[in-house]
Amino acid sequence: MGANTFMLEYILAVNSERQHMANLSQLRRQRMLAFLEKMREQHKDDDEVLVAINEVENEINEKKYGLV
């Protein structure tokens, strides 16, 4: 019984850590997207900068299962 309890606690801890990592990744992604939006507003008349911002934003949005 003790080994089963240990294994269950270990599995729960690993799942919790994975969830925490996903949340960190999501927070980083949201912060970066908010920053890009701010940059887009500041440079709304500069097409070259807007193209670069869009490229970065597309890369961030494609990386849904990894750290940014």
PDB file of N, CA and C in Angstrom:
ATOM      1  N   MET A   1       0.824  -1.207   0.000  1.00  0.00           N
ATOM      2  CA  MET A   1       0.000   0.000   0.000  1.00  0.00           C
ATOM      3  C   MET A   1       0.855   1.252   0.000  1.00  0.00           C
ATOM      4  N   GLY A   2       1.973   1.255   0.716  1.00  0.00           N
ATOM      5  CA  GLY A   2       2.844   2.415   0.793  1.00  0.00           C
ATOM      6  C   GLY A   2       3.444   2.777  -0.553  1.00  0.00           C
ATOM      7  N   ALA A   3       3.846   1.772  -1.331  1.00  0.00           N
ATOM      8  CA  ALA A   3       4.448   2.027  -2.642  1.00  0.00           C
ATOM      9  C   ALA A   3       3.417   2.621  -3.594  1.00  0.00           C
ATOM     10  N   ASN A   4       2.191   2.142  -3.525  1.00  0.00           N
ATOM     11  CA  ASN A   4       1.138   2.690  -4.389  1.00  0.00           C
ATOM     12  C   ASN A   4       0.843   4.143  -4.054  1.00  0.00           C
ATOM     13  N   THR A   5       0.835   4.467  -2.781  1.00  0.00           N
ATOM     14  CA  THR A   5       0.598   5.841  -2.356  1.00  0.00           C
ATOM     15  C   THR A   5       1.722   6.743  -2.844  1.00  0.00           C
ATOM     16  N   PHE A   6       2.963   6.266  -2.714  1.00  0.00           N
ATOM     17  CA  PHE A   6       4.103   7.044  -3.181  1.00  0.00           C
ATOM     18  C   PHE A   6       4.009   7.287  -4.681  1.00  0.00           C
ATOM     19  N   MET A   7       3.664   6.247  -5.433  1.00  0.00           N
ATOM     20  CA  MET A   7       3.576   6.366  -6.884  1.00  0.00           C
ATOM     21  C   MET A   7       2.470   7.350  -7.269  1.00  0.00           C
ATOM     22  N   LEU A   8       1.335   7.292  -6.611  1.00  0.00           N
ATOM     23  CA  LEU A   8       0.238   8.217  -6.886  1.00  0.00           C
ATOM     24  C   LEU A   8       0.662   9.654  -6.579  1.00  0.00           C
ATOM     25  N   GLU A   9       1.334   9.872  -5.457  1.00  0.00           N
ATOM     26  CA  GLU A   9       1.805  11.209  -5.104  1.00  0.00           C
ATOM     27  C   GLU A   9       2.816  11.715  -6.128  1.00  0.00           C
ATOM     28  N   TYR A  10       3.686  10.828  -6.599  1.00  0.00           N
ATOM     29  CA  TYR A  10       4.676  11.202  -7.602  1.00  0.00           C
ATOM     30  C   TYR A  10       3.994  11.615  -8.907  1.00  0.00           C
ATOM     31  N   ILE A  11       3.033  10.840  -9.348  1.00  0.00           N
ATOM     32  CA  ILE A  11       2.304  11.144 -10.589  1.00  0.00           C
ATOM     33  C   ILE A  11       1.577  12.475 -10.459  1.00  0.00           C
ATOM     34  N   LEU A  12       0.941  12.721  -9.343  1.00  0.00           N
ATOM     35  CA  LEU A  12       0.240  13.983  -9.127  1.00  0.00           C
ATOM     36  C   LEU A  12       1.223  15.160  -9.128  1.00  0.00           C
ATOM     37  N   ALA A  13       2.393  14.976  -8.533  1.00  0.00           N
ATOM     38  CA  ALA A  13       3.390  16.044  -8.504  1.00  0.00           C
ATOM     39  C   ALA A  13       3.900  16.346  -9.911  1.00  0.00           C
ATOM     40  N   VAL A  14       4.154  15.320 -10.704  1.00  0.00           N
ATOM     41  CA  VAL A  14       4.632  15.519 -12.076  1.00  0.00           C
ATOM     42  C   VAL A  14       3.565  16.223 -12.901  1.00  0.00           C
ATOM     43  N   ASN A  15       2.315  15.811 -12.775  1.00  0.00           N
ATOM     44  CA  ASN A  15       1.228  16.463 -13.513  1.00  0.00           C
ATOM     45  C   ASN A  15       1.073  17.915 -13.102  1.00  0.00           C
ATOM     46  N   SER A  16       1.216  18.191 -11.823  1.00  0.00           N
ATOM     47  CA  SER A  16       1.125  19.564 -11.338  1.00  0.00           C
ATOM     48  C   SER A  16       2.257  20.412 -11.901  1.00  0.00           C
ATOM     49  N   GLU A  17       3.466  19.849 -11.947  1.00  0.00           N
ATOM     50  CA  GLU A  17       4.608  20.578 -12.491  1.00  0.00           C
ATOM     51  C   GLU A  17       4.411  20.851 -13.977  1.00  0.00           C
ATOM     52  N   ARG A  18       3.889  19.886 -14.708  1.00  0.00           N
ATOM     53  CA  ARG A  18       3.626  20.090 -16.135  1.00  0.00           C
ATOM     54  C   ARG A  18       2.599  21.195 -16.341  1.00  0.00           C
ATOM     55  N   GLN A  19       1.561  21.209 -15.521  1.00  0.00           N
ATOM     56  CA  GLN A  19       0.538  22.253 -15.621  1.00  0.00           C
ATOM     57  C   GLN A  19       1.151  23.614 -15.331  1.00  0.00           C
ATOM     58  N   HIS A  20       2.020  23.663 -14.325  1.00  0.00           N
ATOM     59  CA  HIS A  20       2.680  24.917 -13.973  1.00  0.00           C
ATOM     60  C   HIS A  20       3.541  25.408 -15.131  1.00  0.00           C
ATOM     61  N   MET A  21       4.269  24.514 -15.783  1.00  0.00           N
ATOM     62  CA  MET A  21       5.109  24.884 -16.920  1.00  0.00           C
ATOM     63  C   MET A  21       4.239  25.418 -18.060  1.00  0.00           C
ATOM     64  N   ALA A  22       3.098  24.783 -18.298  1.00  0.00           N
ATOM     65  CA  ALA A  22       2.197  25.257 -19.351  1.00  0.00           C
ATOM     66  C   ALA A  22       1.714  26.660 -19.026  1.00  0.00           C
ATOM     67  N   ASN A  23       1.411  26.907 -17.762  1.00  0.00           N
ATOM     68  CA  ASN A  23       0.952  28.228 -17.366  1.00  0.00           C
ATOM     69  C   ASN A  23       2.047  29.274 -17.548  1.00  0.00           C
ATOM     70  N   LEU A  24       3.284  28.919 -17.232  1.00  0.00           N
ATOM     71  CA  LEU A  24       4.390  29.851 -17.423  1.00  0.00           C
ATOM     72  C   LEU A  24       4.563  30.174 -18.896  1.00  0.00           C
ATOM     73  N   SER A  25       4.468  29.152 -19.718  1.00  0.00           N
ATOM     74  CA  SER A  25       4.604  29.355 -21.155  1.00  0.00           C
ATOM     75  C   SER A  25       3.479  30.247 -21.675  1.00  0.00           C
ATOM     76  N   GLN A  26       2.287  30.007 -21.212  1.00  0.00           N
ATOM     77  CA  GLN A  26       1.139  30.805 -21.637  1.00  0.00           C
ATOM     78  C   GLN A  26       1.303  32.263 -21.184  1.00  0.00           C
ATOM     79  N   LEU A  27       1.781  32.466 -19.969  1.00  0.00           N
ATOM     80  CA  LEU A  27       1.993  33.827 -19.468  1.00  0.00           C
ATOM     81  C   LEU A  27       3.052  34.554 -20.287  1.00  0.00           C
ATOM     82  N   ARG A  28       4.132  33.861 -20.600  1.00  0.00           N
ATOM     83  CA  ARG A  28       5.174  34.488 -21.419  1.00  0.00           C
ATOM     84  C   ARG A  28       4.631  34.868 -22.785  1.00  0.00           C
ATOM     85  N   ARG A  29       3.855  33.976 -23.360  1.00  0.00           N
ATOM     86  CA  ARG A  29       3.275  34.239 -24.686  1.00  0.00           C
ATOM     87  C   ARG A  29       2.356  35.457 -24.624  1.00  0.00           C
ATOM     88  N   GLN A  30       1.515  35.526 -23.605  1.00  0.00           N
ATOM     89  CA  GLN A  30       0.586  36.651 -23.472  1.00  0.00           C
ATOM     90  C   GLN A  30       1.325  37.963 -23.260  1.00  0.00           C
ATOM     91  N   ARG A  31       2.388  37.944 -22.442  1.00  0.00           N
ATOM     92  CA  ARG A  31       3.183  39.160 -22.223  1.00  0.00           C
ATOM     93  C   ARG A  31       3.837  39.623 -23.512  1.00  0.00           C
ATOM     94  N   MET A  32       4.382  38.684 -24.273  1.00  0.00           N
ATOM     95  CA  MET A  32       5.047  39.050 -25.522  1.00  0.00           C
ATOM     96  C   MET A  32       4.036  39.606 -26.517  1.00  0.00           C
ATOM     97  N   LEU A  33       2.863  39.004 -26.615  1.00  0.00           N
ATOM     98  CA  LEU A  33       1.838  39.493 -27.535  1.00  0.00           C
ATOM     99  C   LEU A  33       1.354  40.889 -27.131  1.00  0.00           C
ATOM    100  N   ALA A  34       1.235  41.128 -25.837  1.00  0.00           N
ATOM    101  CA  ALA A  34       0.837  42.461 -25.362  1.00  0.00           C
ATOM    102  C   ALA A  34       1.912  43.488 -25.714  1.00  0.00           C
ATOM    103  N   PHE A  35       3.178  43.106 -25.561  1.00  0.00           N
ATOM    104  CA  PHE A  35       4.279  43.997 -25.924  1.00  0.00           C
ATOM    105  C   PHE A  35       4.240  44.308 -27.420  1.00  0.00           C
ATOM    106  N   LEU A  36       4.011  43.289 -28.235  1.00  0.00           N
ATOM    107  CA  LEU A  36       3.956  43.503 -29.680  1.00  0.00           C
ATOM    108  C   LEU A  36       2.800  44.429 -30.056  1.00  0.00           C
ATOM    109  N   GLU A  37       1.693  44.307 -29.369  1.00  0.00           N
ATOM    110  CA  GLU A  37       0.552  45.186 -29.639  1.00  0.00           C
ATOM    111  C   GLU A  37       0.911  46.637 -29.316  1.00  0.00           C
ATOM    112  N   LYS A  38       1.630  46.826 -28.216  1.00  0.00           N
ATOM    113  CA  LYS A  38       2.085  48.164 -27.844  1.00  0.00           C
ATOM    114  C   LYS A  38       3.036  48.722 -28.913  1.00  0.00           C
ATOM    115  N   MET A  39       3.940  47.876 -29.389  1.00  0.00           N
ATOM    116  CA  MET A  39       4.868  48.288 -30.437  1.00  0.00           C
ATOM    117  C   MET A  39       4.117  48.616 -31.733  1.00  0.00           C
ATOM    118  N   ARG A  40       3.094  47.838 -32.026  1.00  0.00           N
ATOM    119  CA  ARG A  40       2.290  48.073 -33.229  1.00  0.00           C
ATOM    120  C   ARG A  40       1.640  49.451 -33.176  1.00  0.00           C
ATOM    121  N   GLU A  41       1.134  49.836 -32.001  1.00  0.00           N
ATOM    122  CA  GLU A  41       0.523  51.159 -31.840  1.00  0.00           C
ATOM    123  C   GLU A  41       1.556  52.275 -32.006  1.00  0.00           C
ATOM    124  N   GLN A  42       2.737  52.066 -31.457  1.00  0.00           N
ATOM    125  CA  GLN A  42       3.781  53.095 -31.526  1.00  0.00           C
ATOM    126  C   GLN A  42       4.325  53.269 -32.934  1.00  0.00           C
ATOM    127  N   HIS A  43       4.280  52.233 -33.740  1.00  0.00           N
ATOM    128  CA  HIS A  43       4.878  52.265 -35.080  1.00  0.00           C
ATOM    129  C   HIS A  43       3.834  52.032 -36.170  1.00  0.00           C
ATOM    130  N   LYS A  44       2.618  52.482 -35.938  1.00  0.00           N
ATOM    131  CA  LYS A  44       1.521  52.190 -36.860  1.00  0.00           C
ATOM    132  C   LYS A  44       1.717  52.790 -38.255  1.00  0.00           C
ATOM    133  N   ASP A  45       2.619  53.739 -38.400  1.00  0.00           N
ATOM    134  CA  ASP A  45       2.861  54.359 -39.709  1.00  0.00           C
ATOM    135  C   ASP A  45       4.107  53.814 -40.403  1.00  0.00           C
ATOM    136  N   ASP A  46       4.766  52.844 -39.785  1.00  0.00           N
ATOM    137  CA  ASP A  46       6.013  52.301 -40.339  1.00  0.00           C
ATOM    138  C   ASP A  46       5.758  50.869 -40.835  1.00  0.00           C
ATOM    139  N   ASP A  47       5.531  50.747 -42.134  1.00  0.00           N
ATOM    140  CA  ASP A  47       5.176  49.438 -42.709  1.00  0.00           C
ATOM    141  C   ASP A  47       6.238  48.377 -42.464  1.00  0.00           C
ATOM    142  N   GLU A  48       7.494  48.756 -42.528  1.00  0.00           N
ATOM    143  CA  GLU A  48       8.574  47.780 -42.340  1.00  0.00           C
ATOM    144  C   GLU A  48       8.549  47.197 -40.931  1.00  0.00           C
ATOM    145  N   VAL A  49       8.323  48.046 -39.947  1.00  0.00           N
ATOM    146  CA  VAL A  49       8.246  47.586 -38.559  1.00  0.00           C
ATOM    147  C   VAL A  49       6.994  46.734 -38.368  1.00  0.00           C
ATOM    148  N   LEU A  50       5.886  47.133 -38.961  1.00  0.00           N
ATOM    149  CA  LEU A  50       4.646  46.365 -38.830  1.00  0.00           C
ATOM    150  C   LEU A  50       4.788  44.965 -39.419  1.00  0.00           C
ATOM    151  N   VAL A  51       5.484  44.843 -40.525  1.00  0.00           N
ATOM    152  CA  VAL A  51       5.721  43.524 -41.121  1.00  0.00           C
ATOM    153  C   VAL A  51       6.539  42.662 -40.163  1.00  0.00           C
ATOM    154  N   ALA A  52       7.578  43.237 -39.570  1.00  0.00           N
ATOM    155  CA  ALA A  52       8.414  42.497 -38.620  1.00  0.00           C
ATOM    156  C   ALA A  52       7.611  42.073 -37.394  1.00  0.00           C
ATOM    157  N   ILE A  53       6.783  42.959 -36.878  1.00  0.00           N
ATOM    158  CA  ILE A  53       5.940  42.635 -35.720  1.00  0.00           C
ATOM    159  C   ILE A  53       5.001  41.489 -36.069  1.00  0.00           C
ATOM    160  N   ASN A  54       4.403  41.531 -37.239  1.00  0.00           N
ATOM    161  CA  ASN A  54       3.489  40.451 -37.655  1.00  0.00           C
ATOM    162  C   ASN A  54       4.211  39.123 -37.772  1.00  0.00           C
ATOM    163  N   GLU A  55       5.444  39.138 -38.277  1.00  0.00           N
ATOM    164  CA  GLU A  55       6.208  37.896 -38.389  1.00  0.00           C
ATOM    165  C   GLU A  55       6.502  37.309 -37.013  1.00  0.00           C
ATOM    166  N   VAL A  56       6.899  38.157 -36.083  1.00  0.00           N
ATOM    167  CA  VAL A  56       7.179  37.689 -34.725  1.00  0.00           C
ATOM    168  C   VAL A  56       5.899  37.150 -34.090  1.00  0.00           C
ATOM    169  N   GLU A  57       4.813  37.870 -34.250  1.00  0.00           N
ATOM    170  CA  GLU A  57       3.531  37.448 -33.681  1.00  0.00           C
ATOM    171  C   GLU A  57       3.098  36.101 -34.240  1.00  0.00           C
ATOM    172  N   ASN A  58       3.270  35.896 -35.536  1.00  0.00           N
ATOM    173  CA  ASN A  58       2.915  34.611 -36.144  1.00  0.00           C
ATOM    174  C   ASN A  58       3.750  33.473 -35.568  1.00  0.00           C
ATOM    175  N   GLU A  59       5.029  33.704 -35.364  1.00  0.00           N
ATOM    176  CA  GLU A  59       5.895  32.677 -34.774  1.00  0.00           C
ATOM    177  C   GLU A  59       5.448  32.340 -33.354  1.00  0.00           C
ATOM    178  N   ILE A  60       5.130  33.358 -32.586  1.00  0.00           N
ATOM    179  CA  ILE A  60       4.690  33.128 -31.203  1.00  0.00           C
ATOM    180  C   ILE A  60       3.395  32.319 -31.197  1.00  0.00           C
ATOM    181  N   ASN A  61       2.458  32.659 -32.052  1.00  0.00           N
ATOM    182  CA  ASN A  61       1.174  31.963 -32.077  1.00  0.00           C
ATOM    183  C   ASN A  61       1.298  30.530 -32.591  1.00  0.00           C
ATOM    184  N   GLU A  62       2.314  30.230 -33.376  1.00  0.00           N
ATOM    185  CA  GLU A  62       2.518  28.863 -33.855  1.00  0.00           C
ATOM    186  C   GLU A  62       3.116  27.972 -32.782  1.00  0.00           C
ATOM    187  N   LYS A  63       3.780  28.535 -31.804  1.00  0.00           N
ATOM    188  CA  LYS A  63       4.453  27.767 -30.748  1.00  0.00           C
ATOM    189  C   LYS A  63       3.517  27.599 -29.559  1.00  0.00           C
ATOM    190  N   LYS A  64       2.523  26.757 -29.708  1.00  0.00           N
ATOM    191  CA  LYS A  64       1.548  26.589 -28.631  1.00  0.00           C
ATOM    192  C   LYS A  64       1.977  25.550 -27.612  1.00  0.00           C
ATOM    193  N   TYR A  65       2.949  24.708 -27.927  1.00  0.00           N
ATOM    194  CA  TYR A  65       3.325  23.640 -27.017  1.00  0.00           C
ATOM    195  C   TYR A  65       4.791  23.712 -26.632  1.00  0.00           C
ATOM    196  N   GLY A  66       5.300  24.907 -26.466  1.00  0.00           N
ATOM    197  CA  GLY A  66       6.691  25.055 -26.062  1.00  0.00           C
ATOM    198  C   GLY A  66       6.899  26.386 -25.402  1.00  0.00           C
ATOM    199  N   LEU A  67       8.019  26.498 -24.745  1.00  0.00           N
ATOM    200  CA  LEU A  67       8.323  27.762 -24.098  1.00  0.00           C
ATOM    201  C   LEU A  67       8.692  28.788 -25.130  1.00  0.00           C
ATOM    202  N   VAL A  68       8.336  29.977 -24.820  1.00  0.00           N
ATOM    203  CA  VAL A  68       8.666  31.094 -25.710  1.00  0.00           C
ATOM    204  C   VAL A  68       9.916  31.739 -25.193  1.00  0.00           C
TER     205      VAL A  68
END
